Amino acid sequence: MSVTTFKWSIDQWHQLIETGLLIGQNVELVEGEIVKMSPEGIPHSYTNYSIGKYLLRLLEGKAVIRESYPITLNNSEPQPDISIVRLPETIYRNHHPYVEDIYWLIEISKTTLQFDLEVKAQVYARNKIPEYWIVDLKNKKLIVHTLPKGDSYQQILETSSGTIVTQSFPDLKIELSKILLF
């Protein structure tokens, strides 16, 4: 027996949110499907908070740091742990950041590592997100995806020490000791 699932459009998703039916539900829209998000453990929430605080200081006046808020893509509205998006922040008064607003995205991952490496990486590459980081709490490393083409990233770098430079802000050196906290 074949099962056909209903795919939600961004407009339908926004209408559903407006009804209030999803209040208290920890879900996001990924590839037109409503996906339950995993609860955050202590290492995840501490890492998210600490990275957000670090990047806020580092990128002050250069970018907006949004923590666990939606971004609007082609047929998805995921909630990355951290989105680094363009200024001014007031443009997000009327819409979530679009692809053209995004410098890079960060997911902090332990129990969702496979989903973040496969599904989310595919979604972000397909939408041409220029840079996508996964802070891998399980293996204590940073996985940096760059050069999106089609459904994948052409360059994937895994590192666990030193500094990293982003494509969007090549003059900044980001200390991995401030990113890999566990």
N, C-alpha and C. Protein backbone atom coordinates (compact mmCIF):
# COMPACT_ATOMS: atom_id res chain seq x y z
N MET A 1 0.83 -1.17 0.00
CA MET A 1 0.00 0.00 0.00
C MET A 1 0.88 1.25 0.00
N SER A 2 0.57 2.16 -0.86
CA SER A 2 1.30 3.41 -0.97
C SER A 2 0.62 4.49 -0.12
N VAL A 3 1.42 5.27 0.60
CA VAL A 3 0.90 6.34 1.44
C VAL A 3 1.28 7.67 0.82
N THR A 4 0.31 8.54 0.68
CA THR A 4 0.56 9.88 0.17
C THR A 4 0.42 10.86 1.34
N THR A 5 1.44 11.66 1.55
CA THR A 5 1.37 12.64 2.64
C THR A 5 0.99 14.00 2.07
N PHE A 6 0.39 14.81 2.92
CA PHE A 6 0.01 16.16 2.54
C PHE A 6 1.21 17.06 2.75
N LYS A 7 1.55 17.84 1.74
CA LYS A 7 2.66 18.79 1.85
C LYS A 7 2.10 20.18 2.10
N TRP A 8 2.59 20.83 3.14
CA TRP A 8 2.16 22.17 3.50
C TRP A 8 2.98 23.20 2.73
N SER A 9 2.32 24.21 2.21
CA SER A 9 3.04 25.34 1.61
C SER A 9 3.39 26.31 2.74
N ILE A 10 4.27 27.24 2.47
CA ILE A 10 4.62 28.25 3.47
C ILE A 10 3.38 29.05 3.87
N ASP A 11 2.55 29.43 2.89
CA ASP A 11 1.32 30.18 3.21
C ASP A 11 0.38 29.36 4.08
N GLN A 12 0.18 28.09 3.75
CA GLN A 12 -0.68 27.23 4.57
C GLN A 12 -0.11 27.07 5.98
N TRP A 13 1.19 26.93 6.07
CA TRP A 13 1.88 26.81 7.35
C TRP A 13 1.62 28.05 8.21
N HIS A 14 1.77 29.23 7.59
CA HIS A 14 1.52 30.47 8.32
C HIS A 14 0.07 30.57 8.78
N GLN A 15 -0.86 30.12 7.93
CA GLN A 15 -2.27 30.12 8.31
C GLN A 15 -2.52 29.19 9.50
N LEU A 16 -1.89 28.02 9.47
CA LEU A 16 -2.02 27.06 10.56
C LEU A 16 -1.47 27.66 11.87
N ILE A 17 -0.35 28.33 11.79
CA ILE A 17 0.23 28.97 12.98
C ILE A 17 -0.73 30.01 13.53
N GLU A 18 -1.32 30.81 12.63
CA GLU A 18 -2.24 31.87 13.04
C GLU A 18 -3.49 31.33 13.75
N THR A 19 -3.89 30.10 13.47
CA THR A 19 -5.07 29.53 14.12
C THR A 19 -4.83 29.25 15.60
N GLY A 20 -3.57 29.12 15.98
CA GLY A 20 -3.25 28.81 17.37
C GLY A 20 -3.18 27.32 17.66
N LEU A 21 -3.45 26.48 16.65
CA LEU A 21 -3.43 25.03 16.87
C LEU A 21 -2.06 24.49 17.28
N LEU A 22 -1.01 25.22 16.94
CA LEU A 22 0.32 24.71 17.23
C LEU A 22 0.93 25.29 18.51
N ILE A 23 0.15 26.07 19.25
CA ILE A 23 0.66 26.64 20.49
C ILE A 23 1.09 25.51 21.42
N GLY A 24 2.30 25.62 21.92
CA GLY A 24 2.83 24.60 22.83
C GLY A 24 3.43 23.40 22.12
N GLN A 25 3.34 23.38 20.81
CA GLN A 25 3.90 22.26 20.04
C GLN A 25 5.31 22.65 19.57
N ASN A 26 6.26 21.79 19.78
CA ASN A 26 7.64 22.05 19.39
C ASN A 26 7.87 21.43 18.00
N VAL A 27 7.43 22.16 16.96
CA VAL A 27 7.49 21.65 15.60
C VAL A 27 8.05 22.70 14.65
N GLU A 28 8.49 22.24 13.48
CA GLU A 28 8.96 23.12 12.43
C GLU A 28 8.53 22.52 11.09
N LEU A 29 8.55 23.34 10.05
CA LEU A 29 8.19 22.87 8.71
C LEU A 29 9.47 22.55 7.94
N VAL A 30 9.62 21.30 7.50
CA VAL A 30 10.80 20.87 6.75
C VAL A 30 10.33 20.12 5.51
N GLU A 31 10.64 20.67 4.35
CA GLU A 31 10.26 20.06 3.08
C GLU A 31 8.75 19.86 2.99
N GLY A 32 7.99 20.82 3.51
CA GLY A 32 6.54 20.75 3.42
C GLY A 32 5.88 19.86 4.46
N GLU A 33 6.67 19.26 5.33
CA GLU A 33 6.13 18.38 6.36
C GLU A 33 6.36 18.96 7.75
N ILE A 34 5.40 18.76 8.63
CA ILE A 34 5.53 19.23 10.00
C ILE A 34 6.34 18.19 10.77
N VAL A 35 7.47 18.64 11.31
CA VAL A 35 8.41 17.75 11.98
C VAL A 35 8.52 18.14 13.45
N LYS A 36 8.41 17.15 14.32
CA LYS A 36 8.56 17.38 15.76
C LYS A 36 10.04 17.61 16.05
N MET A 37 10.32 18.66 16.80
CA MET A 37 11.69 18.96 17.18
C MET A 37 12.03 18.26 18.49
N SER A 38 13.25 17.81 18.60
CA SER A 38 13.72 17.13 19.80
C SER A 38 13.89 18.14 20.94
N PRO A 39 13.55 17.75 22.18
CA PRO A 39 13.78 18.67 23.30
C PRO A 39 15.28 18.90 23.50
N GLU A 40 15.62 20.07 24.02
CA GLU A 40 17.03 20.41 24.23
C GLU A 40 17.51 19.89 25.58
N GLY A 41 18.65 19.22 25.56
CA GLY A 41 19.29 18.82 26.80
C GLY A 41 20.16 19.97 27.31
N ILE A 42 20.73 19.77 28.48
CA ILE A 42 21.55 20.81 29.10
C ILE A 42 22.76 21.16 28.25
N PRO A 43 23.54 20.20 27.73
CA PRO A 43 24.69 20.59 26.89
C PRO A 43 24.25 21.40 25.66
N HIS A 44 23.12 21.04 25.08
CA HIS A 44 22.62 21.75 23.91
C HIS A 44 22.27 23.19 24.26
N SER A 45 21.46 23.38 25.29
CA SER A 45 21.02 24.73 25.63
C SER A 45 22.18 25.60 26.11
N TYR A 46 23.12 25.04 26.86
CA TYR A 46 24.28 25.81 27.31
C TYR A 46 25.14 26.21 26.12
N THR A 47 25.38 25.28 25.21
CA THR A 47 26.18 25.57 24.03
C THR A 47 25.50 26.62 23.17
N ASN A 48 24.21 26.48 22.96
CA ASN A 48 23.44 27.44 22.15
C ASN A 48 23.57 28.85 22.76
N TYR A 49 23.32 28.95 24.03
CA TYR A 49 23.39 30.24 24.72
C TYR A 49 24.80 30.84 24.62
N SER A 50 25.81 30.03 24.89
CA SER A 50 27.19 30.51 24.90
C SER A 50 27.67 30.95 23.52
N ILE A 51 27.35 30.16 22.50
CA ILE A 51 27.74 30.53 21.13
C ILE A 51 27.01 31.81 20.72
N GLY A 52 25.73 31.89 21.01
CA GLY A 52 24.96 33.08 20.68
C GLY A 52 25.56 34.33 21.31
N LYS A 53 25.92 34.24 22.58
CA LYS A 53 26.52 35.36 23.30
C LYS A 53 27.88 35.74 22.68
N TYR A 54 28.69 34.75 22.36
CA TYR A 54 30.01 34.98 21.75
C TYR A 54 29.87 35.65 20.39
N LEU A 55 28.98 35.12 19.55
CA LEU A 55 28.80 35.69 18.21
C LEU A 55 28.18 37.09 18.27
N LEU A 56 27.33 37.31 19.23
CA LEU A 56 26.72 38.64 19.39
C LEU A 56 27.80 39.70 19.62
N ARG A 57 28.76 39.38 20.48
CA ARG A 57 29.87 40.32 20.72
C ARG A 57 30.76 40.44 19.49
N LEU A 58 31.07 39.31 18.88
CA LEU A 58 32.00 39.28 17.76
C LEU A 58 31.44 39.99 16.52
N LEU A 59 30.13 39.86 16.30
CA LEU A 59 29.52 40.40 15.07
C LEU A 59 28.68 41.65 15.30
N GLU A 60 28.85 42.28 16.47
CA GLU A 60 28.08 43.48 16.76
C GLU A 60 28.28 44.54 15.67
N GLY A 61 27.17 45.04 15.15
CA GLY A 61 27.20 46.04 14.09
C GLY A 61 27.43 45.46 12.70
N LYS A 62 27.61 44.13 12.61
CA LYS A 62 27.85 43.48 11.31
C LYS A 62 26.72 42.55 10.89
N ALA A 63 26.05 41.96 11.89
CA ALA A 63 25.00 40.98 11.60
C ALA A 63 24.07 40.87 12.80
N VAL A 64 22.92 40.27 12.56
CA VAL A 64 21.95 39.97 13.61
C VAL A 64 22.12 38.49 13.96
N ILE A 65 22.14 38.20 15.26
CA ILE A 65 22.21 36.82 15.73
C ILE A 65 20.83 36.46 16.25
N ARG A 66 20.20 35.46 15.61
CA ARG A 66 18.86 35.02 16.02
C ARG A 66 18.97 33.59 16.53
N GLU A 67 18.46 33.37 17.74
CA GLU A 67 18.55 32.05 18.35
C GLU A 67 17.20 31.36 18.36
N SER A 68 17.13 30.22 17.67
CA SER A 68 15.95 29.35 17.65
C SER A 68 14.70 30.03 17.11
N TYR A 69 14.87 30.89 16.13
CA TYR A 69 13.74 31.53 15.45
C TYR A 69 13.66 31.01 14.02
N PRO A 70 12.47 30.99 13.43
CA PRO A 70 12.30 30.48 12.07
C PRO A 70 13.02 31.31 11.02
N ILE A 71 13.35 30.62 9.94
CA ILE A 71 13.78 31.25 8.69
C ILE A 71 12.83 30.73 7.62
N THR A 72 12.58 31.52 6.59
CA THR A 72 11.65 31.10 5.54
C THR A 72 12.43 30.72 4.29
N LEU A 73 12.30 29.44 3.91
CA LEU A 73 12.96 28.92 2.71
C LEU A 73 11.88 28.55 1.70
N ASN A 74 12.26 27.87 0.64
CA ASN A 74 11.35 27.53 -0.43
C ASN A 74 10.09 26.81 0.06
N ASN A 75 10.24 25.64 0.66
CA ASN A 75 9.08 24.91 1.19
C ASN A 75 9.34 24.42 2.61
N SER A 76 10.14 25.22 3.32
CA SER A 76 10.49 24.88 4.70
C SER A 76 10.54 26.15 5.54
N GLU A 77 10.26 25.97 6.81
CA GLU A 77 10.45 27.06 7.75
C GLU A 77 11.04 26.46 9.03
N PRO A 78 12.31 26.03 8.90
CA PRO A 78 12.98 25.44 10.06
C PRO A 78 13.36 26.51 11.08
N GLN A 79 13.75 26.05 12.26
CA GLN A 79 14.21 26.94 13.32
C GLN A 79 15.63 26.55 13.70
N PRO A 80 16.61 27.02 12.94
CA PRO A 80 17.99 26.69 13.30
C PRO A 80 18.30 27.18 14.71
N ASP A 81 19.23 26.52 15.35
CA ASP A 81 19.61 26.95 16.70
C ASP A 81 20.13 28.39 16.66
N ILE A 82 20.95 28.71 15.67
CA ILE A 82 21.46 30.07 15.52
C ILE A 82 21.47 30.43 14.04
N SER A 83 20.92 31.59 13.73
CA SER A 83 20.97 32.14 12.37
C SER A 83 21.73 33.44 12.42
N ILE A 84 22.71 33.59 11.55
CA ILE A 84 23.45 34.83 11.44
C ILE A 84 22.94 35.48 10.16
N VAL A 85 22.25 36.62 10.33
CA VAL A 85 21.54 37.25 9.22
C VAL A 85 21.91 38.73 9.09
N ARG A 86 21.54 39.30 7.97
CA ARG A 86 21.94 40.68 7.67
C ARG A 86 21.16 41.70 8.50
N LEU A 87 21.78 42.81 8.65
CA LEU A 87 21.17 43.99 9.29
C LEU A 87 20.34 44.73 8.26
N PRO A 88 19.43 45.59 8.66
CA PRO A 88 19.04 45.92 10.03
C PRO A 88 18.03 44.90 10.56
N GLU A 89 18.01 44.72 11.85
CA GLU A 89 17.10 43.74 12.45
C GLU A 89 15.64 44.10 12.26
N THR A 90 15.36 45.37 12.00
CA THR A 90 13.96 45.80 11.82
C THR A 90 13.30 45.21 10.59
N ILE A 91 14.08 44.70 9.62
CA ILE A 91 13.44 44.09 8.45
C ILE A 91 12.70 42.80 8.81
N TYR A 92 13.02 42.22 9.97
CA TYR A 92 12.37 40.98 10.39
C TYR A 92 11.10 41.25 11.19
N ARG A 93 10.68 42.49 11.20
CA ARG A 93 9.43 42.88 11.84
C ARG A 93 8.24 42.31 11.07
N ASN A 94 8.39 42.16 9.75
CA ASN A 94 7.29 41.73 8.89
C ASN A 94 7.47 40.35 8.27
N HIS A 95 8.63 39.77 8.41
CA HIS A 95 8.88 38.42 7.87
C HIS A 95 10.10 37.82 8.54
N HIS A 96 10.17 36.50 8.53
CA HIS A 96 11.37 35.81 8.99
C HIS A 96 12.45 36.02 7.94
N PRO A 97 13.71 35.82 8.30
CA PRO A 97 14.77 35.95 7.29
C PRO A 97 14.55 35.01 6.11
N TYR A 98 14.79 35.56 4.92
CA TYR A 98 14.76 34.77 3.68
C TYR A 98 16.20 34.36 3.35
N VAL A 99 16.35 33.51 2.35
CA VAL A 99 17.67 33.03 1.94
C VAL A 99 18.65 34.18 1.74
N GLU A 100 18.21 35.22 1.05
CA GLU A 100 19.12 36.34 0.74
C GLU A 100 19.55 37.11 1.99
N ASP A 101 18.90 36.88 3.11
CA ASP A 101 19.25 37.55 4.37
C ASP A 101 20.28 36.77 5.18
N ILE A 102 20.50 35.51 4.84
CA ILE A 102 21.25 34.59 5.70
C ILE A 102 22.72 34.53 5.32
N TYR A 103 23.58 34.78 6.32
CA TYR A 103 25.02 34.60 6.14
C TYR A 103 25.40 33.14 6.39
N TRP A 104 24.99 32.64 7.55
CA TRP A 104 25.18 31.22 7.82
C TRP A 104 24.27 30.76 8.95
N LEU A 105 24.11 29.43 9.03
CA LEU A 105 23.23 28.81 10.02
C LEU A 105 24.03 27.84 10.87
N ILE A 106 23.60 27.70 12.12
CA ILE A 106 24.26 26.76 13.04
C ILE A 106 23.20 25.88 13.68
N GLU A 107 23.44 24.58 13.63
CA GLU A 107 22.64 23.61 14.38
C GLU A 107 23.55 22.99 15.43
N ILE A 108 23.05 22.88 16.65
CA ILE A 108 23.78 22.21 17.72
C ILE A 108 23.15 20.83 17.85
N SER A 109 23.97 19.81 17.75
CA SER A 109 23.41 18.49 17.51
C SER A 109 24.03 17.40 18.35
N LYS A 110 23.17 16.55 18.85
CA LYS A 110 23.59 15.32 19.51
C LYS A 110 22.62 14.22 19.10
N THR A 111 21.39 14.28 19.60
CA THR A 111 20.41 13.25 19.26
C THR A 111 19.88 13.42 17.84
N THR A 112 19.97 14.61 17.27
CA THR A 112 19.46 14.86 15.91
C THR A 112 20.58 14.92 14.87
N LEU A 113 21.75 14.40 15.21
CA LEU A 113 22.91 14.52 14.32
C LEU A 113 22.63 13.99 12.92
N GLN A 114 22.07 12.81 12.79
CA GLN A 114 21.81 12.24 11.48
C GLN A 114 20.83 13.11 10.68
N PHE A 115 19.78 13.59 11.32
CA PHE A 115 18.80 14.46 10.66
C PHE A 115 19.46 15.76 10.20
N ASP A 116 20.30 16.34 11.05
CA ASP A 116 20.99 17.59 10.70
C ASP A 116 22.00 17.39 9.58
N LEU A 117 22.69 16.25 9.59
CA LEU A 117 23.69 15.96 8.55
C LEU A 117 23.05 15.61 7.21
N GLU A 118 21.91 14.98 7.25
CA GLU A 118 21.29 14.51 6.00
C GLU A 118 20.16 15.44 5.56
N VAL A 119 19.07 15.47 6.29
CA VAL A 119 17.88 16.20 5.86
C VAL A 119 18.12 17.71 5.85
N LYS A 120 18.55 18.25 6.98
CA LYS A 120 18.73 19.71 7.03
C LYS A 120 19.84 20.17 6.10
N ALA A 121 20.92 19.44 6.00
CA ALA A 121 21.99 19.83 5.07
C ALA A 121 21.47 19.87 3.64
N GLN A 122 20.64 18.92 3.28
CA GLN A 122 20.04 18.89 1.94
C GLN A 122 19.12 20.09 1.71
N VAL A 123 18.28 20.37 2.69
CA VAL A 123 17.35 21.51 2.60
C VAL A 123 18.14 22.80 2.47
N TYR A 124 19.14 22.98 3.31
CA TYR A 124 19.92 24.22 3.29
C TYR A 124 20.72 24.35 1.99
N ALA A 125 21.29 23.26 1.51
CA ALA A 125 22.03 23.31 0.23
C ALA A 125 21.09 23.63 -0.92
N ARG A 126 19.94 22.97 -0.96
CA ARG A 126 18.97 23.19 -2.03
C ARG A 126 18.51 24.65 -2.06
N ASN A 127 18.45 25.28 -0.90
CA ASN A 127 18.03 26.68 -0.81
C ASN A 127 19.21 27.65 -0.91
N LYS A 128 20.39 27.10 -1.17
CA LYS A 128 21.61 27.89 -1.39
C LYS A 128 22.04 28.72 -0.17
N ILE A 129 21.87 28.14 1.01
CA ILE A 129 22.42 28.76 2.22
C ILE A 129 23.94 28.64 2.09
N PRO A 130 24.66 29.76 2.08
CA PRO A 130 26.08 29.72 1.75
C PRO A 130 26.95 28.93 2.73
N GLU A 131 26.55 28.89 3.98
CA GLU A 131 27.37 28.21 4.98
C GLU A 131 26.47 27.63 6.06
N TYR A 132 26.76 26.40 6.44
CA TYR A 132 25.96 25.68 7.42
C TYR A 132 26.90 24.94 8.36
N TRP A 133 26.80 25.25 9.64
CA TRP A 133 27.63 24.62 10.65
C TRP A 133 26.81 23.66 11.49
N ILE A 134 27.42 22.54 11.84
CA ILE A 134 26.85 21.63 12.82
C ILE A 134 27.85 21.51 13.96
N VAL A 135 27.42 21.91 15.15
CA VAL A 135 28.23 21.70 16.34
C VAL A 135 27.85 20.31 16.84
N ASP A 136 28.73 19.36 16.60
CA ASP A 136 28.50 17.95 16.92
C ASP A 136 28.92 17.69 18.37
N LEU A 137 27.94 17.71 19.26
CA LEU A 137 28.22 17.50 20.68
C LEU A 137 28.67 16.07 20.97
N LYS A 138 28.19 15.14 20.19
CA LYS A 138 28.50 13.72 20.40
C LYS A 138 29.98 13.43 20.14
N ASN A 139 30.49 13.96 19.03
CA ASN A 139 31.88 13.68 18.63
C ASN A 139 32.82 14.85 18.88
N LYS A 140 32.33 15.89 19.53
CA LYS A 140 33.12 17.06 19.93
C LYS A 140 33.88 17.68 18.75
N LYS A 141 33.11 18.03 17.69
CA LYS A 141 33.74 18.66 16.54
C LYS A 141 32.75 19.59 15.86
N LEU A 142 33.29 20.46 15.03
CA LEU A 142 32.49 21.37 14.21
C LEU A 142 32.53 20.85 12.78
N ILE A 143 31.37 20.76 12.16
CA ILE A 143 31.28 20.33 10.76
C ILE A 143 30.77 21.52 9.96
N VAL A 144 31.61 22.02 9.06
CA VAL A 144 31.29 23.22 8.29
C VAL A 144 30.99 22.83 6.84
N HIS A 145 29.79 23.19 6.40
CA HIS A 145 29.35 22.93 5.03
C HIS A 145 29.39 24.24 4.24
N THR A 146 30.04 24.22 3.08
CA THR A 146 30.08 25.39 2.21
C THR A 146 29.93 24.96 0.75
N LEU A 147 29.79 25.92 -0.11
CA LEU A 147 29.63 25.71 -1.56
C LEU A 147 28.41 24.84 -1.90
N PRO A 148 27.21 25.35 -1.63
CA PRO A 148 26.00 24.57 -1.96
C PRO A 148 25.83 24.43 -3.46
N LYS A 149 25.47 23.22 -3.88
CA LYS A 149 25.19 22.95 -5.29
C LYS A 149 24.16 21.82 -5.33
N GLY A 150 23.00 22.13 -5.88
CA GLY A 150 21.93 21.13 -5.91
C GLY A 150 21.48 20.78 -4.51
N ASP A 151 21.48 19.48 -4.20
CA ASP A 151 21.02 18.99 -2.90
C ASP A 151 22.14 18.78 -1.89
N SER A 152 23.35 19.25 -2.20
CA SER A 152 24.45 18.98 -1.27
C SER A 152 25.45 20.13 -1.25
N TYR A 153 26.32 20.05 -0.29
CA TYR A 153 27.42 21.01 -0.18
C TYR A 153 28.66 20.36 -0.78
N GLN A 154 29.39 21.13 -1.57
CA GLN A 154 30.57 20.61 -2.25
C GLN A 154 31.78 20.53 -1.34
N GLN A 155 31.77 21.31 -0.27
CA GLN A 155 32.91 21.30 0.65
C GLN A 155 32.40 21.09 2.08
N ILE A 156 32.98 20.10 2.75
CA ILE A 156 32.63 19.81 4.14
C ILE A 156 33.94 19.67 4.91
N LEU A 157 34.08 20.50 5.93
CA LEU A 157 35.28 20.51 6.76
C LEU A 157 34.90 20.11 8.17
N GLU A 158 35.66 19.19 8.75
CA GLU A 158 35.45 18.81 10.14
C GLU A 158 36.69 19.22 10.93
N THR A 159 36.47 19.90 12.04
CA THR A 159 37.59 20.38 12.83
C THR A 159 37.22 20.40 14.31
N SER A 160 38.23 20.33 15.16
CA SER A 160 37.95 20.31 16.60
C SER A 160 38.85 21.24 17.40
N SER A 161 39.71 22.00 16.73
CA SER A 161 40.56 22.94 17.48
C SER A 161 41.02 24.07 16.56
N GLY A 162 41.54 25.11 17.18
CA GLY A 162 42.06 26.24 16.42
C GLY A 162 41.02 27.32 16.19
N THR A 163 41.10 27.94 15.02
CA THR A 163 40.17 28.99 14.67
C THR A 163 39.52 28.67 13.33
N ILE A 164 38.40 29.31 13.08
CA ILE A 164 37.69 29.12 11.82
C ILE A 164 37.31 30.50 11.30
N VAL A 165 37.28 30.61 9.98
CA VAL A 165 36.91 31.86 9.32
C VAL A 165 35.67 31.58 8.49
N THR A 166 34.69 32.49 8.57
CA THR A 166 33.48 32.31 7.78
C THR A 166 33.65 32.97 6.42
N GLN A 167 32.87 32.53 5.45
CA GLN A 167 32.91 33.14 4.12
C GLN A 167 32.40 34.58 4.18
N SER A 168 31.41 34.83 4.99
CA SER A 168 30.77 36.15 5.05
C SER A 168 31.62 37.20 5.73
N PHE A 169 32.43 36.78 6.69
CA PHE A 169 33.26 37.72 7.45
C PHE A 169 34.69 37.18 7.53
N PRO A 170 35.41 37.18 6.41
CA PRO A 170 36.73 36.55 6.38
C PRO A 170 37.77 37.23 7.26
N ASP A 171 37.49 38.44 7.73
CA ASP A 171 38.43 39.15 8.60
C ASP A 171 38.31 38.72 10.06
N LEU A 172 37.26 37.98 10.40
CA LEU A 172 37.06 37.54 11.78
C LEU A 172 37.58 36.13 11.99
N LYS A 173 38.26 35.94 13.09
CA LYS A 173 38.73 34.61 13.48
C LYS A 173 37.85 34.14 14.63
N ILE A 174 37.19 33.03 14.43
CA ILE A 174 36.29 32.47 15.44
C ILE A 174 37.02 31.33 16.15
N GLU A 175 37.14 31.48 17.46
CA GLU A 175 37.85 30.50 18.27
C GLU A 175 36.97 29.27 18.48
N LEU A 176 37.46 28.11 18.10
CA LEU A 176 36.67 26.89 18.30
C LEU A 176 36.48 26.57 19.77
N SER A 177 37.36 27.04 20.62
CA SER A 177 37.19 26.82 22.06
C SER A 177 35.95 27.53 22.59
N LYS A 178 35.44 28.52 21.83
CA LYS A 178 34.20 29.23 22.21
C LYS A 178 32.97 28.58 21.58
N ILE A 179 33.19 27.61 20.68
CA ILE A 179 32.12 26.92 19.97
C ILE A 179 31.95 25.50 20.50
N LEU A 180 33.05 24.82 20.67
CA LEU A 180 33.02 23.42 21.13
C LEU A 180 33.23 23.41 22.64
N LEU A 181 32.15 23.45 23.38
CA LEU A 181 32.21 23.62 24.83
C LEU A 181 32.10 22.31 25.59
N PHE A 182 31.73 21.21 24.93
CA PHE A 182 31.59 19.93 25.61
C PHE A 182 32.45 18.88 24.96
